[in-house]
Amino acid sequence: MFEAEFWVAIAFLILMGVFGYFGVHRTILTALDHRRDRIQKELDDARRLKDEAAKLVEEYRARRASAEREAQDIITSAKAEAERIAAEAKVKMEDFVARRTKTAESKIAQAETQAIADVRAAAAEAAVTAASSIMAQSVKGSVADDLIAKGIQDVRSKLN
């Protein structure tokens, strides 16, 4: 007579009627609403966290770019400072070499002047000695002594 599907359908309708009478559908809908609200809240939190993460990423990118610019400025400044110091060192070295050269030339000139004076003094002494010995052999007496003294004085005044 009736088949099994028919009795399953009847049982199902009775079950649905009991659920409706006791308000199970409201409980299920409330549970689904709570679940929907919880999922929506989690999605909103995830969106908020994503936005915060994006802001942090942008902030760190800006900081990195700023740090790279600052590093480049420091490098540029350091290169300029190194070039300035090198130029100053070159100028100081050239000045030092020029002063040392001038000092050496001055010492050479003094030594040359001293050597000339020493040679003149030696020549004068040699001339005086030679003149003395020549005069001593050829002229005798007080006239000889006067001539020798006068000759020595003349030679010394002309050479010095």
N, C-alpha and C. Protein backbone atom coordinates (compact mmCIF):
# COMPACT_ATOMS: atom_id res chain seq x y z
N MET A 1 0.79 -1.16 0.00
CA MET A 1 0.00 0.00 0.00
C MET A 1 0.86 1.26 0.00
N PHE A 2 1.23 1.75 1.12
CA PHE A 2 2.10 2.93 1.08
C PHE A 2 3.56 2.51 1.04
N GLU A 3 4.28 3.22 0.35
CA GLU A 3 5.69 2.90 0.23
C GLU A 3 6.50 3.63 1.29
N ALA A 4 7.76 3.29 1.39
CA ALA A 4 8.63 3.82 2.44
C ALA A 4 8.87 5.32 2.27
N GLU A 5 8.88 5.78 1.06
CA GLU A 5 9.13 7.20 0.82
C GLU A 5 7.98 8.03 1.37
N PHE A 6 6.77 7.47 1.26
CA PHE A 6 5.61 8.19 1.75
C PHE A 6 5.70 8.36 3.26
N TRP A 7 6.04 7.31 3.97
CA TRP A 7 6.17 7.39 5.44
C TRP A 7 7.31 8.30 5.84
N VAL A 8 8.38 8.34 5.09
CA VAL A 8 9.50 9.27 5.37
C VAL A 8 9.02 10.69 5.19
N ALA A 9 8.22 10.94 4.17
CA ALA A 9 7.71 12.29 3.94
C ALA A 9 6.77 12.70 5.05
N ILE A 10 5.90 11.78 5.52
CA ILE A 10 4.97 12.07 6.61
C ILE A 10 5.76 12.37 7.88
N ALA A 11 6.78 11.55 8.16
CA ALA A 11 7.60 11.76 9.37
C ALA A 11 8.31 13.10 9.30
N PHE A 12 8.73 13.41 8.12
CA PHE A 12 9.43 14.70 7.96
C PHE A 12 8.50 15.85 8.23
N LEU A 13 7.28 15.81 7.72
CA LEU A 13 6.32 16.89 7.93
C LEU A 13 5.93 17.00 9.40
N ILE A 14 5.80 15.86 10.07
CA ILE A 14 5.47 15.89 11.51
C ILE A 14 6.63 16.51 12.27
N LEU A 15 7.84 16.13 11.93
CA LEU A 15 9.04 16.69 12.57
C LEU A 15 9.12 18.19 12.35
N MET A 16 8.82 18.63 11.16
CA MET A 16 8.86 20.07 10.87
C MET A 16 7.78 20.79 11.66
N GLY A 17 6.61 20.15 11.82
CA GLY A 17 5.54 20.74 12.60
C GLY A 17 5.94 20.88 14.06
N VAL A 18 6.60 19.86 14.61
CA VAL A 18 7.05 19.90 16.01
C VAL A 18 8.10 21.00 16.15
N PHE A 19 9.02 21.06 15.21
CA PHE A 19 10.06 22.11 15.26
C PHE A 19 9.42 23.49 15.21
N GLY A 20 8.40 23.64 14.36
CA GLY A 20 7.72 24.92 14.24
C GLY A 20 6.98 25.28 15.52
N TYR A 21 6.35 24.26 16.12
CA TYR A 21 5.60 24.51 17.34
C TYR A 21 6.53 24.94 18.48
N PHE A 22 7.68 24.31 18.62
CA PHE A 22 8.61 24.64 19.70
C PHE A 22 9.55 25.81 19.32
N GLY A 23 9.50 26.32 18.17
CA GLY A 23 10.28 27.49 17.76
C GLY A 23 11.75 27.19 17.46
N VAL A 24 12.02 26.00 17.02
CA VAL A 24 13.40 25.60 16.67
C VAL A 24 13.90 26.45 15.52
N HIS A 25 13.03 26.80 14.60
CA HIS A 25 13.49 27.59 13.45
C HIS A 25 14.00 28.95 13.91
N ARG A 26 13.36 29.54 14.95
CA ARG A 26 13.87 30.82 15.47
C ARG A 26 15.24 30.64 16.10
N THR A 27 15.43 29.56 16.83
CA THR A 27 16.72 29.27 17.46
C THR A 27 17.80 29.11 16.41
N ILE A 28 17.45 28.35 15.36
CA ILE A 28 18.43 28.16 14.27
C ILE A 28 18.74 29.48 13.59
N LEU A 29 17.71 30.28 13.33
CA LEU A 29 17.93 31.59 12.68
C LEU A 29 18.75 32.50 13.58
N THR A 30 18.47 32.48 14.89
CA THR A 30 19.25 33.30 15.82
C THR A 30 20.71 32.86 15.82
N ALA A 31 20.93 31.54 15.87
CA ALA A 31 22.30 31.01 15.84
C ALA A 31 22.99 31.41 14.54
N LEU A 32 22.26 31.33 13.42
CA LEU A 32 22.86 31.74 12.14
C LEU A 32 23.15 33.24 12.12
N ASP A 33 22.24 34.05 12.71
CA ASP A 33 22.48 35.50 12.79
C ASP A 33 23.72 35.80 13.63
N HIS A 34 23.84 35.11 14.77
CA HIS A 34 25.04 35.32 15.62
C HIS A 34 26.31 34.92 14.87
N ARG A 35 26.22 33.82 14.19
CA ARG A 35 27.39 33.37 13.41
C ARG A 35 27.73 34.39 12.32
N ARG A 36 26.67 34.89 11.63
CA ARG A 36 26.89 35.91 10.59
C ARG A 36 27.54 37.16 11.19
N ASP A 37 27.02 37.60 12.38
CA ASP A 37 27.58 38.79 13.03
C ASP A 37 29.04 38.56 13.44
N ARG A 38 29.32 37.36 13.97
CA ARG A 38 30.70 37.05 14.36
C ARG A 38 31.63 37.03 13.14
N ILE A 39 31.18 36.43 12.06
CA ILE A 39 31.99 36.39 10.83
C ILE A 39 32.19 37.80 10.28
N GLN A 40 31.11 38.63 10.32
CA GLN A 40 31.22 40.01 9.85
C GLN A 40 32.23 40.78 10.70
N LYS A 41 32.17 40.57 12.03
CA LYS A 41 33.12 41.24 12.92
C LYS A 41 34.54 40.80 12.61
N GLU A 42 34.77 39.51 12.38
CA GLU A 42 36.10 39.02 12.03
C GLU A 42 36.56 39.60 10.71
N LEU A 43 35.65 39.71 9.75
CA LEU A 43 36.01 40.33 8.46
C LEU A 43 36.38 41.80 8.64
N ASP A 44 35.58 42.51 9.47
CA ASP A 44 35.89 43.92 9.73
C ASP A 44 37.25 44.07 10.43
N ASP A 45 37.50 43.19 11.41
CA ASP A 45 38.80 43.22 12.09
C ASP A 45 39.93 42.92 11.10
N ALA A 46 39.71 41.96 10.23
CA ALA A 46 40.73 41.61 9.24
C ALA A 46 40.97 42.79 8.29
N ARG A 47 39.89 43.48 7.87
CA ARG A 47 40.04 44.65 7.01
C ARG A 47 40.82 45.76 7.72
N ARG A 48 40.45 45.98 9.01
CA ARG A 48 41.13 47.01 9.80
C ARG A 48 42.62 46.67 9.95
N LEU A 49 42.91 45.42 10.27
CA LEU A 49 44.31 45.00 10.40
C LEU A 49 45.06 45.13 9.08
N LYS A 50 44.37 44.80 7.98
CA LYS A 50 45.00 44.93 6.66
C LYS A 50 45.32 46.39 6.38
N ASP A 51 44.38 47.30 6.70
CA ASP A 51 44.62 48.73 6.48
C ASP A 51 45.77 49.23 7.35
N GLU A 52 45.80 48.79 8.63
CA GLU A 52 46.90 49.18 9.51
C GLU A 52 48.24 48.67 8.99
N ALA A 53 48.24 47.43 8.50
CA ALA A 53 49.46 46.85 7.95
C ALA A 53 49.91 47.63 6.71
N ALA A 54 48.96 48.01 5.87
CA ALA A 54 49.30 48.79 4.68
C ALA A 54 49.89 50.15 5.08
N LYS A 55 49.29 50.77 6.12
CA LYS A 55 49.83 52.05 6.59
C LYS A 55 51.24 51.88 7.14
N LEU A 56 51.45 50.81 7.91
CA LEU A 56 52.79 50.55 8.45
C LEU A 56 53.80 50.31 7.33
N VAL A 57 53.38 49.56 6.32
CA VAL A 57 54.28 49.30 5.19
C VAL A 57 54.65 50.62 4.51
N GLU A 58 53.67 51.47 4.28
CA GLU A 58 53.95 52.77 3.65
C GLU A 58 54.86 53.62 4.54
N GLU A 59 54.59 53.59 5.83
CA GLU A 59 55.41 54.37 6.77
C GLU A 59 56.85 53.87 6.75
N TYR A 60 57.03 52.56 6.77
CA TYR A 60 58.39 52.01 6.73
C TYR A 60 59.07 52.26 5.38
N ARG A 61 58.31 52.24 4.32
CA ARG A 61 58.89 52.58 3.01
C ARG A 61 59.34 54.03 2.99
N ALA A 62 58.53 54.90 3.56
CA ALA A 62 58.90 56.32 3.63
C ALA A 62 60.14 56.50 4.50
N ARG A 63 60.17 55.78 5.62
CA ARG A 63 61.36 55.87 6.49
C ARG A 63 62.60 55.36 5.78
N ARG A 64 62.45 54.22 5.06
CA ARG A 64 63.59 53.67 4.34
C ARG A 64 64.08 54.65 3.27
N ALA A 65 63.13 55.24 2.55
CA ALA A 65 63.51 56.22 1.52
C ALA A 65 64.21 57.41 2.17
N SER A 66 63.69 57.86 3.30
CA SER A 66 64.31 58.97 4.02
C SER A 66 65.71 58.60 4.49
N ALA A 67 65.85 57.39 5.02
CA ALA A 67 67.16 56.93 5.48
C ALA A 67 68.14 56.80 4.31
N GLU A 68 67.65 56.33 3.17
CA GLU A 68 68.52 56.23 1.99
C GLU A 68 68.95 57.62 1.51
N ARG A 69 68.00 58.59 1.52
CA ARG A 69 68.37 59.95 1.14
C ARG A 69 69.39 60.52 2.12
N GLU A 70 69.15 60.28 3.40
CA GLU A 70 70.07 60.79 4.42
C GLU A 70 71.45 60.15 4.26
N ALA A 71 71.48 58.85 4.00
CA ALA A 71 72.75 58.16 3.78
C ALA A 71 73.46 58.72 2.55
N GLN A 72 72.70 58.97 1.49
CA GLN A 72 73.29 59.54 0.28
C GLN A 72 73.84 60.94 0.56
N ASP A 73 73.09 61.73 1.34
CA ASP A 73 73.56 63.06 1.71
C ASP A 73 74.85 62.98 2.53
N ILE A 74 74.89 62.01 3.45
CA ILE A 74 76.09 61.83 4.27
C ILE A 74 77.27 61.44 3.39
N ILE A 75 77.03 60.54 2.45
CA ILE A 75 78.10 60.11 1.54
C ILE A 75 78.59 61.29 0.70
N THR A 76 77.65 62.06 0.18
CA THR A 76 78.02 63.23 -0.63
C THR A 76 78.80 64.23 0.21
N SER A 77 78.33 64.46 1.41
CA SER A 77 79.01 65.39 2.32
C SER A 77 80.41 64.88 2.65
N ALA A 78 80.52 63.59 2.93
CA ALA A 78 81.83 63.02 3.26
C ALA A 78 82.79 63.12 2.08
N LYS A 79 82.28 62.88 0.86
CA LYS A 79 83.15 63.01 -0.32
C LYS A 79 83.61 64.45 -0.49
N ALA A 80 82.68 65.40 -0.32
CA ALA A 80 83.04 66.81 -0.45
C ALA A 80 84.06 67.19 0.62
N GLU A 81 83.85 66.71 1.84
CA GLU A 81 84.78 67.01 2.94
C GLU A 81 86.15 66.40 2.65
N ALA A 82 86.16 65.17 2.13
CA ALA A 82 87.44 64.52 1.80
C ALA A 82 88.17 65.29 0.69
N GLU A 83 87.42 65.75 -0.31
CA GLU A 83 88.04 66.53 -1.39
C GLU A 83 88.58 67.85 -0.85
N ARG A 84 87.81 68.49 0.05
CA ARG A 84 88.26 69.75 0.64
C ARG A 84 89.53 69.53 1.46
N ILE A 85 89.54 68.46 2.27
CA ILE A 85 90.71 68.17 3.09
C ILE A 85 91.91 67.85 2.20
N ALA A 86 91.68 67.10 1.13
CA ALA A 86 92.77 66.77 0.20
C ALA A 86 93.32 68.04 -0.45
N ALA A 87 92.42 68.95 -0.84
CA ALA A 87 92.87 70.21 -1.46
C ALA A 87 93.67 71.04 -0.44
N GLU A 88 93.17 71.09 0.80
CA GLU A 88 93.90 71.83 1.84
C GLU A 88 95.27 71.20 2.09
N ALA A 89 95.31 69.87 2.13
CA ALA A 89 96.58 69.17 2.36
C ALA A 89 97.55 69.45 1.21
N LYS A 90 97.02 69.48 -0.01
CA LYS A 90 97.89 69.76 -1.17
C LYS A 90 98.45 71.17 -1.07
N VAL A 91 97.57 72.14 -0.71
CA VAL A 91 98.03 73.53 -0.59
C VAL A 91 99.07 73.63 0.53
N LYS A 92 98.80 72.99 1.67
CA LYS A 92 99.75 73.03 2.79
C LYS A 92 101.08 72.38 2.41
N MET A 93 100.98 71.25 1.66
CA MET A 93 102.20 70.57 1.24
C MET A 93 103.00 71.44 0.28
N GLU A 94 102.31 72.07 -0.66
CA GLU A 94 103.02 72.96 -1.59
C GLU A 94 103.65 74.13 -0.85
N ASP A 95 102.92 74.68 0.12
CA ASP A 95 103.46 75.77 0.93
C ASP A 95 104.67 75.30 1.74
N PHE A 96 104.56 74.09 2.31
CA PHE A 96 105.66 73.53 3.09
C PHE A 96 106.89 73.34 2.21
N VAL A 97 106.67 72.78 1.01
CA VAL A 97 107.79 72.55 0.09
C VAL A 97 108.41 73.88 -0.33
N ALA A 98 107.55 74.87 -0.61
CA ALA A 98 108.07 76.19 -1.00
C ALA A 98 108.90 76.81 0.12
N ARG A 99 108.39 76.71 1.37
CA ARG A 99 109.15 77.27 2.51
C ARG A 99 110.46 76.53 2.71
N ARG A 100 110.42 75.19 2.59
CA ARG A 100 111.64 74.40 2.76
C ARG A 100 112.64 74.73 1.64
N THR A 101 112.12 74.89 0.44
CA THR A 101 113.00 75.25 -0.68
C THR A 101 113.63 76.62 -0.44
N LYS A 102 112.81 77.56 0.01
CA LYS A 102 113.30 78.91 0.28
C LYS A 102 114.34 78.88 1.41
N THR A 103 114.05 78.10 2.45
CA THR A 103 115.00 77.98 3.56
C THR A 103 116.30 77.35 3.08
N ALA A 104 116.19 76.30 2.26
CA ALA A 104 117.39 75.64 1.74
C ALA A 104 118.18 76.61 0.85
N GLU A 105 117.48 77.35 0.01
CA GLU A 105 118.17 78.32 -0.85
C GLU A 105 118.84 79.40 0.00
N SER A 106 118.18 79.83 1.06
CA SER A 106 118.76 80.84 1.96
C SER A 106 120.01 80.29 2.63
N LYS A 107 119.93 79.02 3.10
CA LYS A 107 121.10 78.41 3.73
C LYS A 107 122.25 78.25 2.74
N ILE A 108 121.90 77.88 1.50
CA ILE A 108 122.92 77.75 0.46
C ILE A 108 123.57 79.10 0.18
N ALA A 109 122.74 80.15 0.10
CA ALA A 109 123.28 81.49 -0.14
C ALA A 109 124.17 81.92 1.02
N GLN A 110 123.77 81.64 2.26
CA GLN A 110 124.60 81.98 3.41
C GLN A 110 125.92 81.21 3.39
N ALA A 111 125.81 79.91 3.06
CA ALA A 111 127.02 79.09 2.99
C ALA A 111 127.94 79.60 1.89
N GLU A 112 127.33 80.00 0.77
CA GLU A 112 128.13 80.54 -0.35
C GLU A 112 128.82 81.83 0.06
N THR A 113 128.05 82.71 0.73
CA THR A 113 128.63 83.97 1.20
C THR A 113 129.76 83.72 2.20
N GLN A 114 129.52 82.77 3.12
CA GLN A 114 130.54 82.43 4.11
C GLN A 114 131.77 81.83 3.43
N ALA A 115 131.54 80.97 2.43
CA ALA A 115 132.66 80.36 1.71
C ALA A 115 133.47 81.43 0.98
N ILE A 116 132.76 82.38 0.35
CA ILE A 116 133.47 83.47 -0.34
C ILE A 116 134.28 84.27 0.67
N ALA A 117 133.68 84.57 1.82
CA ALA A 117 134.39 85.34 2.85
C ALA A 117 135.60 84.55 3.37
N ASP A 118 135.41 83.23 3.57
CA ASP A 118 136.52 82.40 4.03
C ASP A 118 137.64 82.36 3.00
N VAL A 119 137.25 82.24 1.70
CA VAL A 119 138.26 82.22 0.63
C VAL A 119 138.99 83.55 0.58
N ARG A 120 138.25 84.66 0.70
CA ARG A 120 138.88 85.98 0.70
C ARG A 120 139.83 86.14 1.89
N ALA A 121 139.38 85.67 3.05
CA ALA A 121 140.23 85.77 4.23
C ALA A 121 141.49 84.93 4.05
N ALA A 122 141.30 83.70 3.51
CA ALA A 122 142.46 82.85 3.28
C ALA A 122 143.38 83.47 2.24
N ALA A 123 142.78 84.05 1.18
CA ALA A 123 143.59 84.69 0.13
C ALA A 123 144.33 85.90 0.71
N ALA A 124 143.64 86.64 1.57
CA ALA A 124 144.27 87.81 2.18
C ALA A 124 145.42 87.38 3.08
N GLU A 125 145.22 86.33 3.86
CA GLU A 125 146.28 85.84 4.73
C GLU A 125 147.46 85.34 3.91
N ALA A 126 147.11 84.63 2.80
CA ALA A 126 148.19 84.13 1.93
C ALA A 126 148.93 85.29 1.28
N ALA A 127 148.18 86.31 0.85
CA ALA A 127 148.82 87.47 0.22
C ALA A 127 149.68 88.21 1.24
N VAL A 128 149.17 88.32 2.43
CA VAL A 128 149.93 89.01 3.48
C VAL A 128 151.19 88.24 3.80
N THR A 129 151.06 86.93 3.92
CA THR A 129 152.23 86.10 4.23
C THR A 129 153.24 86.17 3.10
N ALA A 130 152.72 86.09 1.87
CA ALA A 130 153.62 86.16 0.71
C ALA A 130 154.29 87.52 0.63
N ALA A 131 153.48 88.57 0.83
CA ALA A 131 154.05 89.91 0.77
C ALA A 131 155.06 90.12 1.89
N SER A 132 154.78 89.56 3.04
CA SER A 132 155.70 89.71 4.18
C SER A 132 157.03 89.05 3.88
N SER A 133 156.93 87.83 3.35
CA SER A 133 158.19 87.13 3.09
C SER A 133 158.97 87.79 1.95
N ILE A 134 158.25 88.28 0.93
CA ILE A 134 158.95 88.95 -0.18
C ILE A 134 159.58 90.25 0.31
N MET A 135 158.84 90.99 1.08
CA MET A 135 159.35 92.27 1.59
C MET A 135 160.49 92.05 2.57
N ALA A 136 160.37 91.00 3.33
CA ALA A 136 161.42 90.73 4.32
C ALA A 136 162.72 90.39 3.62
N GLN A 137 162.63 89.76 2.50
CA GLN A 137 163.85 89.39 1.79
C GLN A 137 164.42 90.56 0.99
N SER A 138 163.56 91.42 0.46
CA SER A 138 164.07 92.47 -0.41
C SER A 138 164.30 93.79 0.31
N VAL A 139 163.48 94.12 1.28
CA VAL A 139 163.64 95.41 1.97
C VAL A 139 164.02 95.12 3.42
N LYS A 140 164.93 95.95 3.93
CA LYS A 140 165.41 95.74 5.28
C LYS A 140 165.23 96.99 6.11
N GLY A 141 165.04 96.82 7.39
CA GLY A 141 165.02 97.95 8.29
C GLY A 141 163.63 98.46 8.58
N SER A 142 163.57 99.71 9.07
CA SER A 142 162.30 100.32 9.49
C SER A 142 161.42 100.65 8.29
N VAL A 143 162.01 100.94 7.16
CA VAL A 143 161.24 101.19 5.96
C VAL A 143 160.48 99.93 5.57
N ALA A 144 161.13 98.82 5.72
CA ALA A 144 160.50 97.54 5.39
C ALA A 144 159.33 97.27 6.31
N ASP A 145 159.51 97.54 7.58
CA ASP A 145 158.42 97.31 8.53
C ASP A 145 157.22 98.20 8.23
N ASP A 146 157.46 99.46 7.90
CA ASP A 146 156.37 100.38 7.56
C ASP A 146 155.65 99.94 6.28
N LEU A 147 156.40 99.55 5.28
CA LEU A 147 155.80 99.09 4.03
C LEU A 147 154.96 97.82 4.24
N ILE A 148 155.48 96.92 5.02
CA ILE A 148 154.77 95.66 5.28
C ILE A 148 153.46 95.95 6.01
N ALA A 149 153.52 96.78 7.01
CA ALA A 149 152.30 97.11 7.77
C ALA A 149 151.28 97.79 6.88
N LYS A 150 151.75 98.75 6.04
CA LYS A 150 150.86 99.45 5.14
C LYS A 150 150.26 98.50 4.11
N GLY A 151 151.02 97.60 3.55
CA GLY A 151 150.55 96.62 2.56
C GLY A 151 149.53 95.67 3.16
N ILE A 152 149.80 95.22 4.36
CA ILE A 152 148.86 94.32 5.04
C ILE A 152 147.53 95.02 5.27
N GLN A 153 147.61 96.28 5.72
CA GLN A 153 146.39 97.04 5.97
C GLN A 153 145.61 97.27 4.67
N ASP A 154 146.25 97.59 3.58
CA ASP A 154 145.59 97.79 2.29
C ASP A 154 144.92 96.51 1.78
N VAL A 155 145.62 95.39 1.89
CA VAL A 155 145.09 94.11 1.41
C VAL A 155 143.84 93.74 2.22
N ARG A 156 143.95 93.92 3.55
CA ARG A 156 142.80 93.56 4.39
C ARG A 156 141.60 94.44 4.09
N SER A 157 141.81 95.71 3.89
CA SER A 157 140.68 96.61 3.62
C SER A 157 140.06 96.32 2.25
N LYS A 158 140.83 95.93 1.25
CA LYS A 158 140.28 95.65 -0.08
C LYS A 158 139.57 94.29 -0.13
N LEU A 159 140.05 93.30 0.59
CA LEU A 159 139.44 91.98 0.54
C LEU A 159 138.23 91.84 1.44
N ASN A 160 138.20 92.59 2.49
CA ASN A 160 137.04 92.50 3.39
C ASN A 160 136.14 93.64 3.07
